[in-house]
Each structure stands twice: as C-alpha cells, then as structure tokens.
Protein backbone atom coordinates (compact mmCIF):
# COMPACT_ATOMS: atom_id res chain seq x y z
CA MET A 1 14.39 -2.21 0.02
CA ASN A 2 16.41 0.58 1.56
CA ALA A 3 15.54 4.28 1.52
CA ARG A 4 17.65 5.00 -1.56
CA GLU A 5 16.04 2.17 -3.54
CA PHE A 6 12.62 3.34 -2.41
CA PHE A 7 13.35 6.89 -3.56
CA TYR A 8 14.56 5.79 -6.99
CA THR A 9 11.65 3.40 -7.46
CA VAL A 10 9.18 6.15 -6.59
CA ALA A 11 10.94 8.48 -9.03
CA GLN A 12 10.69 5.81 -11.76
CA MET A 13 7.03 5.27 -10.92
CA ARG A 14 6.22 8.97 -11.21
CA SER A 15 8.06 9.21 -14.55
CA ALA A 16 6.11 6.23 -15.86
CA GLN A 17 2.82 7.72 -14.65
CA GLN A 18 3.58 11.04 -16.31
CA ALA A 19 4.60 9.30 -19.53
CA TYR A 20 1.37 7.31 -19.53
CA PHE A 21 -0.80 10.40 -19.14
CA LYS A 22 1.06 12.03 -22.04
CA THR A 23 0.87 9.03 -24.37
CA ARG A 24 -1.91 6.73 -23.09
CA ASP A 25 0.33 3.87 -24.25
CA PRO A 26 -0.85 0.55 -22.76
CA ASN A 27 2.76 -0.67 -22.38
CA VAL A 28 3.66 2.42 -20.38
CA PHE A 29 0.52 1.89 -18.29
CA ARG A 30 1.60 -1.67 -17.46
CA ALA A 31 5.07 -0.46 -16.46
CA ALA A 32 3.57 2.24 -14.22
CA ARG A 33 1.22 -0.27 -12.57
CA LYS A 34 4.09 -2.68 -11.95
CA LEU A 35 6.07 0.05 -10.21
CA GLU A 36 2.99 1.12 -8.23
CA ASN A 37 2.55 -2.46 -7.01
CA ILE A 38 6.21 -2.62 -5.94
CA ILE A 39 5.82 0.62 -3.97
CA ASP A 40 2.51 -0.49 -2.43
CA ARG A 41 4.07 -3.77 -1.25
CA GLU A 42 7.05 -1.94 0.22
CA ILE A 43 4.80 0.51 2.07
CA GLU A 44 2.85 -2.39 3.55
CA ARG A 45 6.07 -4.21 4.49
CA VAL A 46 7.44 -1.20 6.34
CA ARG A 47 4.06 -0.37 7.89
CA SER A 48 3.91 -3.88 9.37
CA ILE A 49 7.34 -3.35 10.93
CA VAL A 50 6.79 0.11 12.40
CA THR A 51 3.17 -0.29 13.48
CA THR A 52 2.95 -1.27 17.09
CA PRO A 53 -0.11 -2.93 18.59
CA GLU A 54 -2.45 -0.48 20.26
CA SER A 55 -2.49 -0.73 24.03
CA THR A 56 -5.81 -1.46 25.69
C-alpha cells in the first residue's frame, strides 16, 4: 500500500466509524472493523520495515 492508498483507506475508515456511531448499524460496524484491520496490518507491515534492531 502506498501513502495515497493509506490516506484514502484511513479516510474511509473514519467515515465508517463516524457512520457507525451515528447509526449503530451492525453492517456499518463490520465495514468499519474490516477497514481498521486493513490499517492495522499496514501499520505493522511498515513498522517491520522501518524498525531497526536495537544495538547492544
């Protein structure tokens, strides 16, 4: 995922979260959770790339 895709996915996630809190619709909740999982996986993927081992 590139930076632009990350940005748009986060924007979609936030919209879904806001929609859920307005409606409490279980389908909207599932969509928000799916987007949250995508973002969480991407954060972990990038973190594993940019994190360097600590020197001892």
